[in-house]
C-alpha atoms as a PDB file:
ATOM      1  CA  MET A   1       6.690   6.148 -15.368  1.00  0.00           C
ATOM      2  CA  ASN A   2      10.342   4.981 -15.193  1.00  0.00           C
ATOM      3  CA  ASP A   3      11.729   4.768 -18.763  1.00  0.00           C
ATOM      4  CA  SER A   4      15.340   3.841 -18.032  1.00  0.00           C
ATOM      5  CA  PRO A   5      17.097   1.196 -20.196  1.00  0.00           C
ATOM      6  CA  ALA A   6      16.889  -1.266 -17.283  1.00  0.00           C
ATOM      7  CA  ALA A   7      13.148  -0.644 -16.914  1.00  0.00           C
ATOM      8  CA  ARG A   8      12.573  -1.177 -20.640  1.00  0.00           C
ATOM      9  CA  LEU A   9      14.465  -4.455 -20.468  1.00  0.00           C
ATOM     10  CA  GLN A  10      12.364  -5.580 -17.516  1.00  0.00           C
ATOM     11  CA  GLN A  11       9.223  -4.816 -19.520  1.00  0.00           C
ATOM     12  CA  LEU A  12      10.605  -6.991 -22.341  1.00  0.00           C
ATOM     13  CA  PHE A  13      11.028  -9.947 -19.978  1.00  0.00           C
ATOM     14  CA  GLU A  14       7.741  -9.582 -18.089  1.00  0.00           C
ATOM     15  CA  GLY A  15       5.058 -12.109 -18.919  1.00  0.00           C
ATOM     16  CA  HIS A  16       7.511 -14.827 -19.983  1.00  0.00           C
ATOM     17  CA  ARG A  17       7.962 -18.002 -17.970  1.00  0.00           C
ATOM     18  CA  LEU A  18      11.726 -18.189 -17.634  1.00  0.00           C
ATOM     19  CA  THR A  19      13.816 -21.041 -16.323  1.00  0.00           C
ATOM     20  CA  PRO A  20      16.283 -20.343 -13.469  1.00  0.00           C
ATOM     21  CA  THR A  21      19.108 -20.106 -16.026  1.00  0.00           C
ATOM     22  CA  GLN A  22      17.084 -17.707 -18.165  1.00  0.00           C
ATOM     23  CA  ARG A  23      16.230 -15.590 -15.119  1.00  0.00           C
ATOM     24  CA  ARG A  24      19.949 -15.395 -14.434  1.00  0.00           C
ATOM     25  CA  ILE A  25      20.571 -14.122 -17.965  1.00  0.00           C
ATOM     26  CA  ALA A  26      17.717 -11.614 -17.653  1.00  0.00           C
ATOM     27  CA  HIS A  27      19.036 -10.365 -14.308  1.00  0.00           C
ATOM     28  CA  CYS A  28      22.513  -9.964 -15.798  1.00  0.00           C
ATOM     29  CA  MET A  29      21.123  -8.012 -18.755  1.00  0.00           C
ATOM     30  CA  VAL A  30      19.162  -5.646 -16.536  1.00  0.00           C
ATOM     31  CA  ARG A  31      22.259  -5.030 -14.399  1.00  0.00           C
ATOM     32  CA  GLY A  32      24.254  -4.056 -17.491  1.00  0.00           C
ATOM     33  CA  ALA A  33      21.482  -2.544 -19.593  1.00  0.00           C
ATOM     34  CA  ALA A  34      23.758   0.021 -21.252  1.00  0.00           C
ATOM     35  CA  GLU A  35      26.448  -2.496 -22.224  1.00  0.00           C
ATOM     36  CA  VAL A  36      24.509  -5.643 -23.088  1.00  0.00           C
ATOM     37  CA  PRO A  37      23.291  -4.509 -26.560  1.00  0.00           C
ATOM     38  CA  PHE A  38      26.932  -4.427 -27.662  1.00  0.00           C
ATOM     39  CA  LEU A  39      27.895  -7.884 -26.397  1.00  0.00           C
ATOM     40  CA  SER A  40      28.104 -11.054 -28.453  1.00  0.00           C
ATOM     41  CA  SER A  41      26.235 -14.126 -27.291  1.00  0.00           C
ATOM     42  CA  VAL A  42      29.535 -15.589 -26.081  1.00  0.00           C
ATOM     43  CA  GLU A  43      30.349 -12.445 -24.092  1.00  0.00           C
ATOM     44  CA  LEU A  44      26.866 -12.342 -22.561  1.00  0.00           C
ATOM     45  CA  ALA A  45      27.105 -16.028 -21.651  1.00  0.00           C
ATOM     46  CA  GLU A  46      30.444 -15.441 -19.933  1.00  0.00           C
ATOM     47  CA  LEU A  47      29.076 -12.407 -18.092  1.00  0.00           C
ATOM     48  CA  ALA A  48      26.031 -14.323 -16.860  1.00  0.00           C
ATOM     49  CA  GLY A  49      27.968 -17.480 -16.084  1.00  0.00           C
ATOM     50  CA  VAL A  50      25.954 -19.684 -18.453  1.00  0.00           C
ATOM     51  CA  SER A  51      26.594 -21.498 -21.733  1.00  0.00           C
ATOM     52  CA  GLN A  52      26.317 -19.819 -25.125  1.00  0.00           C
ATOM     53  CA  PRO A  53      23.466 -22.144 -26.204  1.00  0.00           C
ATOM     54  CA  SER A  54      21.579 -21.025 -23.095  1.00  0.00           C
ATOM     55  CA  VAL A  55      21.729 -17.451 -24.378  1.00  0.00           C
ATOM     56  CA  THR A  56      20.361 -18.573 -27.746  1.00  0.00           C
ATOM     57  CA  ARG A  57      17.526 -20.513 -26.101  1.00  0.00           C
ATOM     58  CA  PHE A  58      16.785 -17.457 -23.949  1.00  0.00           C
ATOM     59  CA  ALA A  59      16.392 -15.269 -27.046  1.00  0.00           C
ATOM     60  CA  VAL A  60      14.045 -17.827 -28.622  1.00  0.00           C
ATOM     61  CA  ALA A  61      12.008 -18.009 -25.394  1.00  0.00           C
ATOM     62  CA  LEU A  62      11.431 -14.259 -25.725  1.00  0.00           C
ATOM     63  CA  GLY A  63      10.051 -14.732 -29.239  1.00  0.00           C
ATOM     64  CA  PHE A  64      13.119 -13.841 -31.319  1.00  0.00           C
ATOM     65  CA  ASP A  65      14.642 -15.949 -34.101  1.00  0.00           C
ATOM     66  CA  GLY A  66      17.939 -15.994 -32.230  1.00  0.00           C
ATOM     67  CA  TYR A  67      20.349 -13.842 -30.286  1.00  0.00           C
ATOM     68  CA  PRO A  68      21.237 -11.511 -33.219  1.00  0.00           C
ATOM     69  CA  ALA A  69      17.558 -10.531 -33.513  1.00  0.00           C
ATOM     70  CA  LEU A  70      17.367  -9.954 -29.768  1.00  0.00           C
ATOM     71  CA  ARG A  71      20.507  -7.819 -29.844  1.00  0.00           C
ATOM     72  CA  ARG A  72      19.122  -5.692 -32.676  1.00  0.00           C
ATOM     73  CA  HIS A  73      16.021  -5.110 -30.575  1.00  0.00           C
ATOM     74  CA  LEU A  74      18.137  -4.276 -27.524  1.00  0.00           C
ATOM     75  CA  ARG A  75      20.036  -1.645 -29.491  1.00  0.00           C
ATOM     76  CA  GLU A  76      16.723   0.007 -30.317  1.00  0.00           C
ATOM     77  CA  VAL A  77      15.751   0.274 -26.648  1.00  0.00           C
ATOM     78  CA  ALA A  78      19.284   1.044 -25.371  1.00  0.00           C
ATOM     79  CA  PRO A  79      20.681   4.564 -24.884  1.00  0.00           C
ATOM     80  CA  ALA A  80      21.956   6.307 -27.993  1.00  0.00           C
ATOM     81  CA  GLY A  81      25.549   6.198 -26.834  1.00  0.00           C
ATOM     82  CA  ARG A  82      27.518   3.489 -25.115  1.00  0.00           C
ATOM     83  CA  SER A  83      29.129   4.623 -21.902  1.00  0.00           C
ATOM     84  CA  ALA A  84      32.776   3.750 -21.567  1.00  0.00           C
ATOM     85  CA  PRO A  85      33.382   1.464 -18.607  1.00  0.00           C
ATOM     86  CA  ALA A  86      36.258   2.140 -16.277  1.00  0.00           C
ATOM     87  CA  ARG A  87      39.476   0.379 -17.242  1.00  0.00           C
ATOM     88  CA  GLU A  88      39.910  -2.841 -15.326  1.00  0.00           C
ATOM     89  CA  GLY A  89      43.106  -1.683 -13.657  1.00  0.00           C
ATOM     90  CA  GLU A  90      41.748   1.724 -12.652  1.00  0.00           C
ATOM     91  CA  TYR A  91      40.325   0.495  -9.315  1.00  0.00           C
ATOM     92  CA  ASN A  92      41.422  -2.220  -6.938  1.00  0.00           C
ATOM     93  CA  GLU A  93      38.944  -4.972  -6.068  1.00  0.00           C
ATOM     94  CA  TYR A  94      37.622  -3.168  -2.988  1.00  0.00           C
ATOM     95  CA  GLN A  95      37.053   0.049  -4.908  1.00  0.00           C
ATOM     96  CA  GLN A  96      35.354  -1.920  -7.684  1.00  0.00           C
ATOM     97  CA  ALA A  97      32.924  -3.319  -5.111  1.00  0.00           C
ATOM     98  CA  VAL A  98      32.134   0.204  -3.919  1.00  0.00           C
ATOM     99  CA  GLN A  99      31.725   1.452  -7.485  1.00  0.00           C
ATOM    100  CA  GLY A 100      29.359  -1.447  -8.141  1.00  0.00           C
ATOM    101  CA  GLU A 101      27.213  -0.435  -5.182  1.00  0.00           C
ATOM    102  CA  ILE A 102      27.194   3.176  -6.359  1.00  0.00           C
ATOM    103  CA  GLU A 103      25.848   1.958  -9.705  1.00  0.00           C
ATOM    104  CA  ASN A 104      23.214  -0.120  -7.890  1.00  0.00           C
ATOM    105  CA  LEU A 105      22.100   2.951  -5.942  1.00  0.00           C
ATOM    106  CA  GLN A 106      21.949   4.979  -9.154  1.00  0.00           C
ATOM    107  CA  ARG A 107      19.687   2.317 -10.667  1.00  0.00           C
ATOM    108  CA  LEU A 108      17.510   2.421  -7.572  1.00  0.00           C
ATOM    109  CA  SER A 109      17.314   6.208  -7.856  1.00  0.00           C
ATOM    110  CA  ALA A 110      16.236   5.925 -11.499  1.00  0.00           C
ATOM    111  CA  MET A 111      13.552   3.407 -10.577  1.00  0.00           C
ATOM    112  CA  LEU A 112      12.214   5.700  -7.847  1.00  0.00           C
ATOM    113  CA  ALA A 113      11.600   8.408 -10.452  1.00  0.00           C
ATOM    114  CA  ASP A 114       8.183   6.746 -10.548  1.00  0.00           C
ATOM    115  CA  PRO A 115       7.198   6.705  -6.851  1.00  0.00           C
ATOM    116  CA  ALA A 116       3.809   5.060  -7.415  1.00  0.00           C
ATOM    117  CA  PRO A 117       4.853   1.445  -6.586  1.00  0.00           C
ATOM    118  CA  VAL A 118       6.548   2.501  -3.341  1.00  0.00           C
ATOM    119  CA  GLU A 119       3.642   4.728  -2.346  1.00  0.00           C
ATOM    120  CA  GLU A 120       1.195   1.894  -3.031  1.00  0.00           C
ATOM    121  CA  ALA A 121       3.336  -0.478  -0.959  1.00  0.00           C
ATOM    122  CA  GLY A 122       3.448   2.076   1.874  1.00  0.00           C
ATOM    123  CA  ARG A 123      -0.348   2.271   1.947  1.00  0.00           C
ATOM    124  CA  VAL A 124      -0.694  -1.520   1.917  1.00  0.00           C
ATOM    125  CA  LEU A 125       1.788  -1.941   4.781  1.00  0.00           C
ATOM    126  CA  ALA A 126       0.264   0.893   6.806  1.00  0.00           C
ATOM    127  CA  GLY A 127      -3.152  -0.721   6.511  1.00  0.00           C
ATOM    128  CA  SER A 128      -2.020  -4.029   8.011  1.00  0.00           C
ATOM    129  CA  SER A 129      -2.114  -4.499  11.767  1.00  0.00           C
ATOM    130  CA  PRO A 130      -0.298  -6.545  12.795  1.00  0.00           C
ATOM    131  CA  LEU A 131       2.393  -6.210  10.122  1.00  0.00           C
ATOM    132  CA  PRO A 132       4.582  -9.331   9.720  1.00  0.00           C
ATOM    133  CA  VAL A 133       8.047  -8.647   8.276  1.00  0.00           C
ATOM    134  CA  LEU A 134       9.785 -11.683   6.780  1.00  0.00           C
ATOM    135  CA  GLY A 135      13.485 -12.132   6.053  1.00  0.00           C
ATOM    136  CA  LEU A 136      15.525 -15.333   6.348  1.00  0.00           C
ATOM    137  CA  ARG A 137      19.254 -16.017   6.167  1.00  0.00           C
ATOM    138  CA  ALA A 138      20.986 -13.257   4.139  1.00  0.00           C
ATOM    139  CA  ALA A 139      17.852 -11.102   4.222  1.00  0.00           C
ATOM    140  CA  SER A 140      17.303 -11.359   7.973  1.00  0.00           C
ATOM    141  CA  SER A 141      19.306  -8.195   8.696  1.00  0.00           C
ATOM    142  CA  GLN A 142      17.191  -6.226   6.204  1.00  0.00           C
ATOM    143  CA  ALA A 143      13.979  -7.455   7.831  1.00  0.00           C
ATOM    144  CA  ARG A 144      15.283  -6.802  11.347  1.00  0.00           C
ATOM    145  CA  GLY A 145      16.369  -3.260  10.467  1.00  0.00           C
ATOM    146  CA  PHE A 146      13.007  -2.451   8.920  1.00  0.00           C
ATOM    147  CA  ALA A 147      11.089  -3.969  11.843  1.00  0.00           C
ATOM    148  CA  TYR A 148      13.171  -2.052  14.393  1.00  0.00           C
ATOM    149  CA  PHE A 149      12.325   1.353  12.936  1.00  0.00           C
ATOM    150  CA  ALA A 150       8.808   0.419  11.822  1.00  0.00           C
ATOM    151  CA  ALA A 151       7.884  -0.397  15.423  1.00  0.00           C
ATOM    152  CA  LYS A 152       8.373   3.284  16.291  1.00  0.00           C
ATOM    153  CA  VAL A 153       5.521   4.349  14.004  1.00  0.00           C
ATOM    154  CA  HIS A 154       3.412   1.200  13.548  1.00  0.00           C
ATOM    155  CA  PRO A 155       1.340  -0.244  16.427  1.00  0.00           C
ATOM    156  CA  ASP A 156       2.153  -3.930  15.849  1.00  0.00           C
ATOM    157  CA  VAL A 157       5.172  -5.146  13.869  1.00  0.00           C
ATOM    158  CA  ARG A 158       6.051  -8.841  13.983  1.00  0.00           C
ATOM    159  CA  LEU A 159       9.536  -9.869  12.850  1.00  0.00           C
ATOM    160  CA  LEU A 160       9.770 -13.267  11.128  1.00  0.00           C
ATOM    161  CA  ASP A 161      13.502 -13.913  10.802  1.00  0.00           C
ATOM    162  CA  GLU A 162      13.675 -17.589  11.760  1.00  0.00           C
ATOM    163  CA  GLY A 163      12.612 -20.487   9.574  1.00  0.00           C
ATOM    164  CA  GLY A 164      11.338 -23.867  10.607  1.00  0.00           C
ATOM    165  CA  SER A 165       7.921 -25.403  11.157  1.00  0.00           C
ATOM    166  CA  MET A 166       6.776 -22.534  13.380  1.00  0.00           C
ATOM    167  CA  LEU A 167       7.076 -19.966  10.592  1.00  0.00           C
ATOM    168  CA  ALA A 168       3.720 -20.937   9.078  1.00  0.00           C
ATOM    169  CA  ASP A 169       2.188 -20.867  12.566  1.00  0.00           C
ATOM    170  CA  ARG A 170       3.373 -17.306  13.089  1.00  0.00           C
ATOM    171  CA  ILE A 171       1.988 -16.227   9.719  1.00  0.00           C
ATOM    172  CA  ASP A 172      -1.355 -17.834  10.606  1.00  0.00           C
ATOM    173  CA  ALA A 173      -1.335 -16.067  13.977  1.00  0.00           C
ATOM    174  CA  ALA A 174      -0.736 -12.703  12.299  1.00  0.00           C
ATOM    175  CA  ALA A 175      -3.572 -13.343   9.837  1.00  0.00           C
ATOM    176  CA  ALA A 176      -5.901 -14.381  12.665  1.00  0.00           C
ATOM    177  CA  ALA A 177      -5.022 -11.189  14.536  1.00  0.00           C
ATOM    178  CA  GLY A 178      -6.109  -9.059  11.577  1.00  0.00           C
ATOM    179  CA  ALA A 179      -3.037  -8.763   9.337  1.00  0.00           C
ATOM    180  CA  SER A 180      -3.823  -7.955   5.721  1.00  0.00           C
ATOM    181  CA  ALA A 181      -0.272  -7.789   4.318  1.00  0.00           C
ATOM    182  CA  LEU A 182       3.219  -9.166   4.766  1.00  0.00           C
ATOM    183  CA  LEU A 183       6.508  -7.473   3.884  1.00  0.00           C
ATOM    184  CA  CYS A 184       9.226  -9.829   2.649  1.00  0.00           C
ATOM    185  CA  PHE A 185      12.917  -9.187   2.044  1.00  0.00           C
ATOM    186  CA  ALA A 186      14.293 -11.818  -0.353  1.00  0.00           C
ATOM    187  CA  LEU A 187      17.974 -11.860  -1.286  1.00  0.00           C
ATOM    188  CA  PRO A 188      20.322 -14.416  -2.893  1.00  0.00           C
ATOM    189  CA  ARG A 189      20.646 -17.225  -2.288  1.00  0.00           C
ATOM    190  CA  HIS A 190      16.883 -17.535  -2.077  1.00  0.00           C
ATOM    191  CA  PRO A 191      15.864 -20.020   0.630  1.00  0.00           C
ATOM    192  CA  ARG A 192      13.101 -22.404  -0.341  1.00  0.00           C
ATOM    193  CA  GLU A 193      11.426 -21.543   2.982  1.00  0.00           C
ATOM    194  CA  VAL A 194      10.881 -17.954   1.832  1.00  0.00           C
ATOM    195  CA  VAL A 195       9.017 -19.082  -1.281  1.00  0.00           C
ATOM    196  CA  GLU A 196       6.941 -21.491   0.802  1.00  0.00           C
ATOM    197  CA  ALA A 197       6.237 -18.786   3.400  1.00  0.00           C
ATOM    198  CA  LEU A 198       5.009 -16.391   0.708  1.00  0.00           C
ATOM    199  CA  GLU A 199       2.764 -19.082  -0.735  1.00  0.00           C
ATOM    200  CA  HIS A 200       1.368 -19.755   2.736  1.00  0.00           C
ATOM    201  CA  ALA A 201       0.846 -16.051   3.456  1.00  0.00           C
ATOM    202  CA  ARG A 202      -1.072 -15.478   0.245  1.00  0.00           C
ATOM    203  CA  ALA A 203      -3.174 -18.577   0.871  1.00  0.00           C
ATOM    204  CA  ALA A 204      -3.996 -17.039   4.274  1.00  0.00           C
ATOM    205  CA  GLY A 205      -5.280 -13.924   2.507  1.00  0.00           C
ATOM    206  CA  LEU A 206      -2.254 -11.654   3.014  1.00  0.00           C
ATOM    207  CA  THR A 207      -0.974  -9.293   0.325  1.00  0.00           C
ATOM    208  CA  ALA A 208       2.722 -10.057  -0.223  1.00  0.00           C
ATOM    209  CA  VAL A 209       4.930  -6.982  -0.689  1.00  0.00           C
ATOM    210  CA  THR A 210       8.467  -8.070  -1.556  1.00  0.00           C
ATOM    211  CA  VAL A 211      11.856  -6.381  -1.790  1.00  0.00           C
ATOM    212  CA  ALA A 212      14.042  -8.649  -3.949  1.00  0.00           C
ATOM    213  CA  ASP A 213      17.322  -8.389  -5.802  1.00  0.00           C
ATOM    214  CA  SER A 214      15.604  -8.681  -9.176  1.00  0.00           C
ATOM    215  CA  ALA A 215      12.186  -8.622 -10.791  1.00  0.00           C
ATOM    216  CA  PHE A 216      13.057 -12.141 -11.979  1.00  0.00           C
ATOM    217  CA  ALA A 217      13.880 -13.559  -8.539  1.00  0.00           C
ATOM    218  CA  PRO A 218      12.241 -16.898  -7.639  1.00  0.00           C
ATOM    219  CA  VAL A 219       9.873 -15.062  -5.275  1.00  0.00           C
ATOM    220  CA  ALA A 220       8.438 -12.879  -8.058  1.00  0.00           C
ATOM    221  CA  ARG A 221       5.471 -15.029  -8.966  1.00  0.00           C
ATOM    222  CA  HIS A 222       4.621 -15.496  -5.288  1.00  0.00           C
ATOM    223  CA  SER A 223       4.442 -11.747  -4.617  1.00  0.00           C
ATOM    224  CA  ASP A 224       1.579  -9.332  -5.189  1.00  0.00           C
ATOM    225  CA  LEU A 225       3.865  -6.300  -5.337  1.00  0.00           C
ATOM    226  CA  LEU A 226       7.604  -6.740  -5.924  1.00  0.00           C
ATOM    227  CA  ILE A 227      10.030  -3.828  -5.887  1.00  0.00           C
ATOM    228  CA  PRO A 228      13.559  -4.747  -7.027  1.00  0.00           C
ATOM    229  CA  ALA A 229      16.835  -3.436  -5.616  1.00  0.00           C
ATOM    230  CA  PRO A 230      20.059  -4.985  -6.963  1.00  0.00           C
ATOM    231  CA  VAL A 231      22.734  -6.505  -4.767  1.00  0.00           C
ATOM    232  CA  GLY A 232      26.480  -6.162  -5.258  1.00  0.00           C
ATOM    233  CA  THR A 233      28.380  -9.269  -6.318  1.00  0.00           C
ATOM    234  CA  GLY A 234      31.937  -7.937  -6.442  1.00  0.00           C
ATOM    235  CA  LEU A 235      33.059  -9.487  -3.146  1.00  0.00           C
ATOM    236  CA  ALA A 236      33.000 -13.033  -1.779  1.00  0.00           C
ATOM    237  CA  PHE A 237      29.656 -12.266  -0.114  1.00  0.00           C
ATOM    238  CA  ASP A 238      26.916 -10.158  -1.715  1.00  0.00           C
ATOM    239  CA  THR A 239      26.456  -6.583  -0.542  1.00  0.00           C
ATOM    240  CA  ALA A 240      22.960  -5.149  -0.101  1.00  0.00           C
ATOM    241  CA  CYS A 241      23.139  -1.362   0.136  1.00  0.00           C
ATOM    242  CA  ALA A 242      20.301  -0.835  -2.349  1.00  0.00           C
ATOM    243  CA  PRO A 243      17.861  -3.264  -0.665  1.00  0.00           C
ATOM    244  CA  MET A 244      18.616  -1.660   2.704  1.00  0.00           C
ATOM    245  CA  LEU A 245      17.956   1.834   1.350  1.00  0.00           C
ATOM    246  CA  LEU A 246      14.791   0.654  -0.402  1.00  0.00           C
ATOM    247  CA  GLY A 247      13.627  -0.704   2.948  1.00  0.00           C
ATOM    248  CA  ARG A 248      14.045   2.766   4.470  1.00  0.00           C
ATOM    249  CA  VAL A 249      12.187   4.303   1.531  1.00  0.00           C
ATOM    250  CA  LEU A 250       9.305   1.883   2.111  1.00  0.00           C
ATOM    251  CA  LEU A 251       9.414   2.788   5.788  1.00  0.00           C
ATOM    252  CA  GLU A 252       9.051   6.471   4.870  1.00  0.00           C
ATOM    253  CA  ALA A 253       6.131   5.702   2.549  1.00  0.00           C
ATOM    254  CA  MET A 254       4.449   3.643   5.253  1.00  0.00           C
ATOM    255  CA  ALA A 255       4.930   6.377   7.845  1.00  0.00           C
ATOM    256  CA  ASP A 256       3.403   8.901   5.439  1.00  0.00           C
ATOM    257  CA  ALA A 257       0.314   6.682   5.242  1.00  0.00           C
ATOM    258  CA  LEU A 258      -0.018   6.269   9.019  1.00  0.00           C
ATOM    259  CA  PRO A 259      -2.047   9.164  10.474  1.00  0.00           C
ATOM    260  CA  ASP A 260      -0.464   8.959  13.936  1.00  0.00           C
ATOM    261  CA  ALA A 261       3.143   8.249  12.913  1.00  0.00           C
ATOM    262  CA  GLN A 262       4.428  11.681  13.936  1.00  0.00           C
ATOM    263  CA  ALA A 263       2.666  11.507  17.299  1.00  0.00           C
ATOM    264  CA  ARG A 264       4.213   8.090  17.956  1.00  0.00           C
ATOM    265  CA  LEU A 265       7.675   9.402  17.134  1.00  0.00           C
ATOM    266  CA  GLU A 266       7.253  12.383  19.415  1.00  0.00           C
ATOM    267  CA  ASP A 267       6.011  10.119  22.203  1.00  0.00           C
ATOM    268  CA  PHE A 268       9.020   7.838  21.778  1.00  0.00           C
ATOM    269  CA  ASP A 269      11.424  10.798  21.861  1.00  0.00           C
ATOM    270  CA  ALA A 270       9.818  12.063  25.069  1.00  0.00           C
ATOM    271  CA  ARG A 271      10.038   8.656  26.745  1.00  0.00           C
ATOM    272  CA  ALA A 272      13.621   8.155  25.540  1.00  0.00           C
ATOM    273  CA  ALA A 273      14.638  11.524  26.985  1.00  0.00           C
ATOM    274  CA  ALA A 274      12.930  10.763  30.316  1.00  0.00           C
ATOM    275  CA  ARG A 275      14.780   7.432  30.564  1.00  0.00           C
ATOM    276  CA  GLY A 276      18.100   8.855  29.377  1.00  0.00           C
ATOM    277  CA  LEU A 277      18.339   6.224  26.640  1.00  0.00           C
ATOM    278  CA  PHE A 278      20.773   8.100  24.430  1.00  0.00           C
ATOM    279  CA  VAL A 279      23.989  10.001  25.099  1.00  0.00           C
ATOM    280  CA  ASP A 280      24.194  13.396  23.408  1.00  0.00           C
END
């Protein structure tokens, strides 16, 4: 079981109905699990981009008398020592973005110390034929990349990367054809259509497996199995190295659960060689 500081913080927040502002604070705290126990309420508010009273209300919503009580609790679940962050002037803004993604990948690695959720997701996805893969707007590239490789080992993968009124029709068609699960990639900013599509899929009897930027993302309560992978926010547009890698990890877990995955890969390689698809 993953027992990292970030995982312990997530356990603290689970089971609470949080407002969007409170989810933002929770997400910020998980991202900086080692540093947050040493921040004042004003510093945390500035880091999360919310007001100081919002931080106080967040602490009360978790059952504490106020932020000081929450911070005392956080220090109990935080690492023994506080890691020293890099000096602000040590990296330029581009290097800082890369360092942020390295930290995101390290958090993903720590989470994967417990492989059970990914293995369970792999079995669920492998057991669904067809397998719809949903990703809109910023998450469309993650969904498309997964669907491209998944089609080499899975008999029927259906990419859902366009919104609109036909999205529900395509989910219904997949369910009618025998689908039992749907894989969703959900990244900021979260389109309302994604939430509605997950609601529709679950109403149609599909198990919703979701890759999201946070366990507190708006899609969380509309997912049966959510596996978080943080995004980078150091540039004008978010970066998604961790969600992309998590998608490949899920692909590996799904392939492991498909009995004929290796045979399909070998067949593809033989056909590709016969057609001269690739240049050596």
